[in-house]
């Protein structure tokens, strides 16, 4: 499908909600990795495939622009968000709930009330190097993105990797719990990564960054070798 066809199709968005309690926010890298696994968990869920109850919405979403929006919630907001059909994925400390796609202008009221801008998270300590053998989503070292924007980009990078895999590779990755790492690439390595032939996320430029910016490179080669 061409970009013109995608723009002409009805537009959908994949909602994700990250739990950010005021006194106990998750680490940024943990939130990014959990968001990526949440997207993969939804894509592999039986409700999102075949004749599943979410399958049509997922197909419509993937036939248009692949939009993801991350909102934040805490306390009662998080509890109310949990009542809607979706899947909650937990990381080391982070909690992210992903929902089936909704029309761009048709968010459920409970989610529409949640804040989307200004989602800021930090890592208390620099992340350790990615464990040997893990798929890595390399974030651009050249862009300054909010945590919410970066979570959406990590989710998109995971989705591009998913599309590249065989059914057997997908099953193996799912059964292992979708192990992966999100790390910021070294500036010196970024040109080689973006030119490596691996899947590259190029942002549409709806928020924060200019259209066409390379945000993530999906290095899923460890998965592909299984």
C-alpha atoms as a PDB file:
ATOM      1  CA  UNK A   1       0.000   0.000   0.000  1.00  0.00           C
ATOM      2  CA  UNK A   2       1.383   3.438  -0.929  1.00  0.00           C
ATOM      3  CA  UNK A   3       1.652   6.349   1.501  1.00  0.00           C
ATOM      4  CA  UNK A   4      -1.210   8.047  -0.357  1.00  0.00           C
ATOM      5  CA  UNK A   5      -3.414   4.982   0.138  1.00  0.00           C
ATOM      6  CA  UNK A   6      -2.487   4.887   3.819  1.00  0.00           C
ATOM      7  CA  UNK A   7      -3.397   8.541   4.248  1.00  0.00           C
ATOM      8  CA  UNK A   8      -6.731   8.033   2.477  1.00  0.00           C
ATOM      9  CA  UNK A   9      -7.693   5.046   4.637  1.00  0.00           C
ATOM     10  CA  UNK A  10      -9.622   5.596   7.892  1.00  0.00           C
ATOM     11  CA  UNK A  11      -7.065   6.426  10.559  1.00  0.00           C
ATOM     12  CA  UNK A  12      -6.695   4.418  13.758  1.00  0.00           C
ATOM     13  CA  UNK A  13      -4.367   4.650  16.739  1.00  0.00           C
ATOM     14  CA  UNK A  14      -3.004   2.076  19.162  1.00  0.00           C
ATOM     15  CA  UNK A  15      -3.477   3.383  22.711  1.00  0.00           C
ATOM     16  CA  UNK A  16      -0.928   2.600  25.399  1.00  0.00           C
ATOM     17  CA  UNK A  17      -1.134   3.782  28.993  1.00  0.00           C
ATOM     18  CA  UNK A  18       1.874   3.803  31.289  1.00  0.00           C
ATOM     19  CA  UNK A  19       1.429   3.821  35.037  1.00  0.00           C
ATOM     20  CA  UNK A  20       3.374   6.706  36.584  1.00  0.00           C
ATOM     21  CA  UNK A  21       2.729   7.109  40.276  1.00  0.00           C
ATOM     22  CA  UNK A  22       3.893  10.475  41.581  1.00  0.00           C
ATOM     23  CA  UNK A  23       6.236   9.094  44.235  1.00  0.00           C
ATOM     24  CA  UNK A  24       7.354   5.936  42.451  1.00  0.00           C
ATOM     25  CA  UNK A  25       7.764   6.395  38.682  1.00  0.00           C
ATOM     26  CA  UNK A  26       9.383   3.624  36.625  1.00  0.00           C
ATOM     27  CA  UNK A  27      12.822   3.977  35.074  1.00  0.00           C
ATOM     28  CA  UNK A  28      12.800   5.272  31.519  1.00  0.00           C
ATOM     29  CA  UNK A  29      14.496   2.254  29.892  1.00  0.00           C
ATOM     30  CA  UNK A  30      12.218  -0.154  31.761  1.00  0.00           C
ATOM     31  CA  UNK A  31       9.183   1.785  30.481  1.00  0.00           C
ATOM     32  CA  UNK A  32      10.476   1.729  26.893  1.00  0.00           C
ATOM     33  CA  UNK A  33      11.162  -1.999  26.976  1.00  0.00           C
ATOM     34  CA  UNK A  34       7.790  -2.720  28.555  1.00  0.00           C
ATOM     35  CA  UNK A  35       5.984  -0.651  25.916  1.00  0.00           C
ATOM     36  CA  UNK A  36       7.764  -2.581  23.158  1.00  0.00           C
ATOM     37  CA  UNK A  37       6.771  -5.898  24.711  1.00  0.00           C
ATOM     38  CA  UNK A  38       3.203  -4.657  25.156  1.00  0.00           C
ATOM     39  CA  UNK A  39       2.899  -4.005  21.412  1.00  0.00           C
ATOM     40  CA  UNK A  40       4.277  -7.453  20.633  1.00  0.00           C
ATOM     41  CA  UNK A  41       1.947  -9.048  23.167  1.00  0.00           C
ATOM     42  CA  UNK A  42      -1.075  -7.481  21.511  1.00  0.00           C
ATOM     43  CA  UNK A  43       0.058  -8.404  17.987  1.00  0.00           C
ATOM     44  CA  UNK A  44       0.470 -12.037  19.024  1.00  0.00           C
ATOM     45  CA  UNK A  45      -2.747 -12.286  21.036  1.00  0.00           C
ATOM     46  CA  UNK A  46      -5.369 -14.605  19.538  1.00  0.00           C
ATOM     47  CA  UNK A  47      -7.950 -11.834  19.863  1.00  0.00           C
ATOM     48  CA  UNK A  48      -5.881  -9.722  17.423  1.00  0.00           C
ATOM     49  CA  UNK A  49      -5.443 -12.368  14.725  1.00  0.00           C
ATOM     50  CA  UNK A  50      -7.640 -14.420  12.406  1.00  0.00           C
ATOM     51  CA  UNK A  51     -11.271 -14.072  13.436  1.00  0.00           C
ATOM     52  CA  UNK A  52     -10.476 -12.698  16.884  1.00  0.00           C
ATOM     53  CA  UNK A  53     -12.581  -9.911  18.363  1.00  0.00           C
ATOM     54  CA  UNK A  54      -9.799  -7.328  17.888  1.00  0.00           C
ATOM     55  CA  UNK A  55      -8.578  -8.593  14.508  1.00  0.00           C
ATOM     56  CA  UNK A  56     -10.564  -6.224  12.299  1.00  0.00           C
ATOM     57  CA  UNK A  57      -9.453  -3.185  14.282  1.00  0.00           C
ATOM     58  CA  UNK A  58      -5.833  -4.334  14.093  1.00  0.00           C
ATOM     59  CA  UNK A  59      -6.079  -4.836  10.319  1.00  0.00           C
ATOM     60  CA  UNK A  60      -7.683  -1.430   9.826  1.00  0.00           C
ATOM     61  CA  UNK A  61      -4.981   0.164  11.947  1.00  0.00           C
ATOM     62  CA  UNK A  62      -2.164  -1.513  10.040  1.00  0.00           C
ATOM     63  CA  UNK A  63      -3.723  -0.575   6.687  1.00  0.00           C
ATOM     64  CA  UNK A  64      -3.457   3.115   7.570  1.00  0.00           C
ATOM     65  CA  UNK A  65      -0.689   5.090   9.254  1.00  0.00           C
ATOM     66  CA  UNK A  66       0.726   3.018  12.119  1.00  0.00           C
ATOM     67  CA  UNK A  67       0.047   5.441  14.939  1.00  0.00           C
ATOM     68  CA  UNK A  68       0.680   4.791  18.610  1.00  0.00           C
ATOM     69  CA  UNK A  69      -0.043   7.215  21.422  1.00  0.00           C
ATOM     70  CA  UNK A  70       1.155   6.806  24.994  1.00  0.00           C
ATOM     71  CA  UNK A  71      -0.786   8.419  27.833  1.00  0.00           C
ATOM     72  CA  UNK A  72      -0.003   8.331  31.524  1.00  0.00           C
ATOM     73  CA  UNK A  73      -2.143   7.438  34.520  1.00  0.00           C
ATOM     74  CA  UNK A  74      -1.860   6.977  38.250  1.00  0.00           C
ATOM     75  CA  UNK A  75      -4.048   6.011  41.182  1.00  0.00           C
ATOM     76  CA  UNK A  76      -7.740   5.931  40.337  1.00  0.00           C
ATOM     77  CA  UNK A  77      -7.007   6.843  36.707  1.00  0.00           C
ATOM     78  CA  UNK A  78      -4.923   3.683  36.323  1.00  0.00           C
ATOM     79  CA  UNK A  79      -7.590   1.547  37.974  1.00  0.00           C
ATOM     80  CA  UNK A  80     -10.297   2.916  35.663  1.00  0.00           C
ATOM     81  CA  UNK A  81      -8.073   2.369  32.625  1.00  0.00           C
ATOM     82  CA  UNK A  82      -7.762  -1.259  33.675  1.00  0.00           C
ATOM     83  CA  UNK A  83     -11.491  -1.849  33.295  1.00  0.00           C
ATOM     84  CA  UNK A  84     -11.340  -1.403  29.510  1.00  0.00           C
ATOM     85  CA  UNK A  85     -10.486  -4.436  27.347  1.00  0.00           C
ATOM     86  CA  UNK A  86      -6.733  -4.594  26.920  1.00  0.00           C
ATOM     87  CA  UNK A  87      -3.554  -6.263  28.134  1.00  0.00           C
ATOM     88  CA  UNK A  88      -1.316  -5.102  30.968  1.00  0.00           C
ATOM     89  CA  UNK A  89       2.375  -5.925  30.582  1.00  0.00           C
ATOM     90  CA  UNK A  90       4.776  -5.589  33.489  1.00  0.00           C
ATOM     91  CA  UNK A  91       8.515  -4.967  33.273  1.00  0.00           C
ATOM     92  CA  UNK A  92      10.998  -4.764  36.112  1.00  0.00           C
ATOM     93  CA  UNK A  93       8.830  -2.077  37.708  1.00  0.00           C
ATOM     94  CA  UNK A  94       7.013  -0.463  34.785  1.00  0.00           C
ATOM     95  CA  UNK A  95       3.399  -1.278  33.952  1.00  0.00           C
ATOM     96  CA  UNK A  96       1.993  -0.561  30.501  1.00  0.00           C
ATOM     97  CA  UNK A  97      -1.518  -1.379  29.336  1.00  0.00           C
ATOM     98  CA  UNK A  98      -2.138  -1.721  25.589  1.00  0.00           C
ATOM     99  CA  UNK A  99      -5.583  -1.612  23.995  1.00  0.00           C
ATOM    100  CA  UNK A 100      -6.960  -2.668  20.622  1.00  0.00           C
ATOM    101  CA  UNK A 101      -6.768   0.144  18.051  1.00  0.00           C
ATOM    102  CA  UNK A 102      -9.439   2.845  18.103  1.00  0.00           C
ATOM    103  CA  UNK A 103     -10.423   5.484  15.525  1.00  0.00           C
ATOM    104  CA  UNK A 104      -8.169   8.519  15.690  1.00  0.00           C
ATOM    105  CA  UNK A 105     -11.058  10.673  16.887  1.00  0.00           C
ATOM    106  CA  UNK A 106     -12.853   7.895  18.806  1.00  0.00           C
ATOM    107  CA  UNK A 107     -10.883   7.381  22.023  1.00  0.00           C
ATOM    108  CA  UNK A 108     -12.831   5.890  24.937  1.00  0.00           C
ATOM    109  CA  UNK A 109     -13.637   8.668  27.411  1.00  0.00           C
ATOM    110  CA  UNK A 110     -11.649   7.034  30.189  1.00  0.00           C
ATOM    111  CA  UNK A 111      -8.491   7.145  28.051  1.00  0.00           C
ATOM    112  CA  UNK A 112      -9.202  10.473  26.351  1.00  0.00           C
ATOM    113  CA  UNK A 113      -9.055  12.196  29.750  1.00  0.00           C
ATOM    114  CA  UNK A 114      -5.498  11.041  30.405  1.00  0.00           C
ATOM    115  CA  UNK A 115      -2.526  13.304  29.790  1.00  0.00           C
ATOM    116  CA  UNK A 116      -0.335  12.626  26.765  1.00  0.00           C
ATOM    117  CA  UNK A 117       2.183  15.469  26.823  1.00  0.00           C
ATOM    118  CA  UNK A 118       5.053  15.906  29.213  1.00  0.00           C
ATOM    119  CA  UNK A 119       5.607  12.238  30.049  1.00  0.00           C
ATOM    120  CA  UNK A 120       9.134  12.451  31.457  1.00  0.00           C
ATOM    121  CA  UNK A 121      11.070   9.576  33.005  1.00  0.00           C
ATOM    122  CA  UNK A 122      14.722   9.106  33.858  1.00  0.00           C
ATOM    123  CA  UNK A 123      17.084   6.221  34.481  1.00  0.00           C
ATOM    124  CA  UNK A 124      18.528   6.415  38.010  1.00  0.00           C
ATOM    125  CA  UNK A 125      21.705   4.786  36.651  1.00  0.00           C
ATOM    126  CA  UNK A 126      22.932   4.400  33.060  1.00  0.00           C
ATOM    127  CA  UNK A 127      21.557   1.157  31.577  1.00  0.00           C
ATOM    128  CA  UNK A 128      23.983  -1.749  31.421  1.00  0.00           C
ATOM    129  CA  UNK A 129      25.000  -3.027  27.972  1.00  0.00           C
ATOM    130  CA  UNK A 130      22.335  -5.237  26.414  1.00  0.00           C
ATOM    131  CA  UNK A 131      22.600  -8.883  27.364  1.00  0.00           C
ATOM    132  CA  UNK A 132      24.312 -11.012  24.748  1.00  0.00           C
ATOM    133  CA  UNK A 133      21.838 -12.597  22.341  1.00  0.00           C
ATOM    134  CA  UNK A 134      18.936 -10.214  22.983  1.00  0.00           C
ATOM    135  CA  UNK A 135      17.194  -8.353  20.171  1.00  0.00           C
ATOM    136  CA  UNK A 136      18.005  -4.659  20.587  1.00  0.00           C
ATOM    137  CA  UNK A 137      15.942  -1.640  19.644  1.00  0.00           C
ATOM    138  CA  UNK A 138      18.540   1.070  19.063  1.00  0.00           C
ATOM    139  CA  UNK A 139      17.205   4.545  19.779  1.00  0.00           C
ATOM    140  CA  UNK A 140      18.579   7.519  17.904  1.00  0.00           C
ATOM    141  CA  UNK A 141      21.337   9.405  19.756  1.00  0.00           C
ATOM    142  CA  UNK A 142      20.461  12.518  17.766  1.00  0.00           C
ATOM    143  CA  UNK A 143      16.881  13.136  18.904  1.00  0.00           C
ATOM    144  CA  UNK A 144      15.498  14.455  22.175  1.00  0.00           C
ATOM    145  CA  UNK A 145      12.166  12.721  22.760  1.00  0.00           C
ATOM    146  CA  UNK A 146       9.857  12.668  25.757  1.00  0.00           C
ATOM    147  CA  UNK A 147       9.467   9.290  27.440  1.00  0.00           C
ATOM    148  CA  UNK A 148       5.974   8.920  25.961  1.00  0.00           C
ATOM    149  CA  UNK A 149       7.203   9.618  22.433  1.00  0.00           C
ATOM    150  CA  UNK A 150      10.161   7.269  22.885  1.00  0.00           C
ATOM    151  CA  UNK A 151       7.868   4.519  24.190  1.00  0.00           C
ATOM    152  CA  UNK A 152       5.707   4.811  21.078  1.00  0.00           C
ATOM    153  CA  UNK A 153       8.808   4.671  18.869  1.00  0.00           C
ATOM    154  CA  UNK A 154      10.153   1.613  20.695  1.00  0.00           C
ATOM    155  CA  UNK A 155       6.791  -0.061  20.169  1.00  0.00           C
ATOM    156  CA  UNK A 156       6.961   0.693  16.477  1.00  0.00           C
ATOM    157  CA  UNK A 157      10.477  -0.686  16.260  1.00  0.00           C
ATOM    158  CA  UNK A 158       9.315  -3.917  17.880  1.00  0.00           C
ATOM    159  CA  UNK A 159       6.440  -4.110  15.399  1.00  0.00           C
ATOM    160  CA  UNK A 160       8.787  -3.754  12.423  1.00  0.00           C
ATOM    161  CA  UNK A 161      10.913  -6.588  13.799  1.00  0.00           C
ATOM    162  CA  UNK A 162       7.785  -8.724  14.266  1.00  0.00           C
ATOM    163  CA  UNK A 163       6.801  -8.260  10.638  1.00  0.00           C
ATOM    164  CA  UNK A 164      10.210  -9.506   9.476  1.00  0.00           C
ATOM    165  CA  UNK A 165      10.057 -12.835  11.332  1.00  0.00           C
ATOM    166  CA  UNK A 166       8.717 -16.210  10.280  1.00  0.00           C
ATOM    167  CA  UNK A 167       5.818 -17.789  12.139  1.00  0.00           C
ATOM    168  CA  UNK A 168       8.220 -20.142  13.899  1.00  0.00           C
ATOM    169  CA  UNK A 169      10.460 -17.269  14.999  1.00  0.00           C
ATOM    170  CA  UNK A 170       7.467 -15.313  16.238  1.00  0.00           C
ATOM    171  CA  UNK A 171       6.235 -18.287  18.252  1.00  0.00           C
ATOM    172  CA  UNK A 172       9.646 -18.842  19.807  1.00  0.00           C
ATOM    173  CA  UNK A 173       9.980 -15.156  20.745  1.00  0.00           C
ATOM    174  CA  UNK A 174       6.462 -15.068  22.209  1.00  0.00           C
ATOM    175  CA  UNK A 175       6.988 -18.264  24.203  1.00  0.00           C
ATOM    176  CA  UNK A 176      10.167 -16.793  25.670  1.00  0.00           C
ATOM    177  CA  UNK A 177       8.237 -13.703  26.853  1.00  0.00           C
ATOM    178  CA  UNK A 178       9.519 -11.331  24.158  1.00  0.00           C
ATOM    179  CA  UNK A 179      12.963 -10.694  25.653  1.00  0.00           C
ATOM    180  CA  UNK A 180      14.514  -7.528  24.225  1.00  0.00           C
ATOM    181  CA  UNK A 181      16.555  -4.496  25.138  1.00  0.00           C
ATOM    182  CA  UNK A 182      16.163  -0.815  24.323  1.00  0.00           C
ATOM    183  CA  UNK A 183      19.375   1.177  24.257  1.00  0.00           C
ATOM    184  CA  UNK A 184      20.526   4.486  22.793  1.00  0.00           C
ATOM    185  CA  UNK A 185      23.031   3.910  20.018  1.00  0.00           C
ATOM    186  CA  UNK A 186      26.482   5.442  20.224  1.00  0.00           C
ATOM    187  CA  UNK A 187      26.649   8.456  17.904  1.00  0.00           C
ATOM    188  CA  UNK A 188      29.527   6.886  15.999  1.00  0.00           C
ATOM    189  CA  UNK A 189      27.514   3.701  15.378  1.00  0.00           C
ATOM    190  CA  UNK A 190      24.273   5.356  14.256  1.00  0.00           C
ATOM    191  CA  UNK A 191      25.131   5.902  10.551  1.00  0.00           C
ATOM    192  CA  UNK A 192      26.105   2.244  10.163  1.00  0.00           C
ATOM    193  CA  UNK A 193      22.960   1.071  11.936  1.00  0.00           C
ATOM    194  CA  UNK A 194      20.623   3.172   9.800  1.00  0.00           C
ATOM    195  CA  UNK A 195      22.384   1.956   6.660  1.00  0.00           C
ATOM    196  CA  UNK A 196      22.585  -1.698   7.680  1.00  0.00           C
ATOM    197  CA  UNK A 197      19.399  -2.878   5.997  1.00  0.00           C
ATOM    198  CA  UNK A 198      17.749  -3.571   9.358  1.00  0.00           C
ATOM    199  CA  UNK A 199      14.231  -2.148   9.860  1.00  0.00           C
ATOM    200  CA  UNK A 200      14.321   1.593  10.557  1.00  0.00           C
ATOM    201  CA  UNK A 201      11.487   3.597  12.079  1.00  0.00           C
ATOM    202  CA  UNK A 202      11.017   6.865  10.222  1.00  0.00           C
ATOM    203  CA  UNK A 203       8.653   9.089  12.140  1.00  0.00           C
ATOM    204  CA  UNK A 204       5.713  10.709  10.374  1.00  0.00           C
ATOM    205  CA  UNK A 205       6.328  13.926  12.279  1.00  0.00           C
ATOM    206  CA  UNK A 206       2.932  14.313  13.919  1.00  0.00           C
ATOM    207  CA  UNK A 207       4.520  15.264  17.261  1.00  0.00           C
ATOM    208  CA  UNK A 208       7.854  16.465  18.679  1.00  0.00           C
ATOM    209  CA  UNK A 209      10.205  15.706  15.782  1.00  0.00           C
ATOM    210  CA  UNK A 210      10.441  16.544  12.098  1.00  0.00           C
ATOM    211  CA  UNK A 211       8.915  14.182   9.515  1.00  0.00           C
ATOM    212  CA  UNK A 212      11.208  11.476   8.236  1.00  0.00           C
ATOM    213  CA  UNK A 213      13.458  11.414  11.291  1.00  0.00           C
ATOM    214  CA  UNK A 214      15.055   8.025  11.964  1.00  0.00           C
ATOM    215  CA  UNK A 215      14.126   7.172  15.528  1.00  0.00           C
ATOM    216  CA  UNK A 216      14.800   3.442  16.010  1.00  0.00           C
ATOM    217  CA  UNK A 217      16.729   0.644  14.320  1.00  0.00           C
ATOM    218  CA  UNK A 218      15.384  -2.840  15.088  1.00  0.00           C
ATOM    219  CA  UNK A 219      18.286  -5.257  15.462  1.00  0.00           C
ATOM    220  CA  UNK A 220      16.322  -8.496  15.712  1.00  0.00           C
ATOM    221  CA  UNK A 221      19.092 -10.716  14.329  1.00  0.00           C
ATOM    222  CA  UNK A 222      19.388 -12.745  17.567  1.00  0.00           C
ATOM    223  CA  UNK A 223      15.707 -13.711  17.157  1.00  0.00           C
ATOM    224  CA  UNK A 224      16.198 -14.524  13.483  1.00  0.00           C
ATOM    225  CA  UNK A 225      18.877 -17.063  14.352  1.00  0.00           C
ATOM    226  CA  UNK A 226      16.559 -19.155  16.546  1.00  0.00           C
END
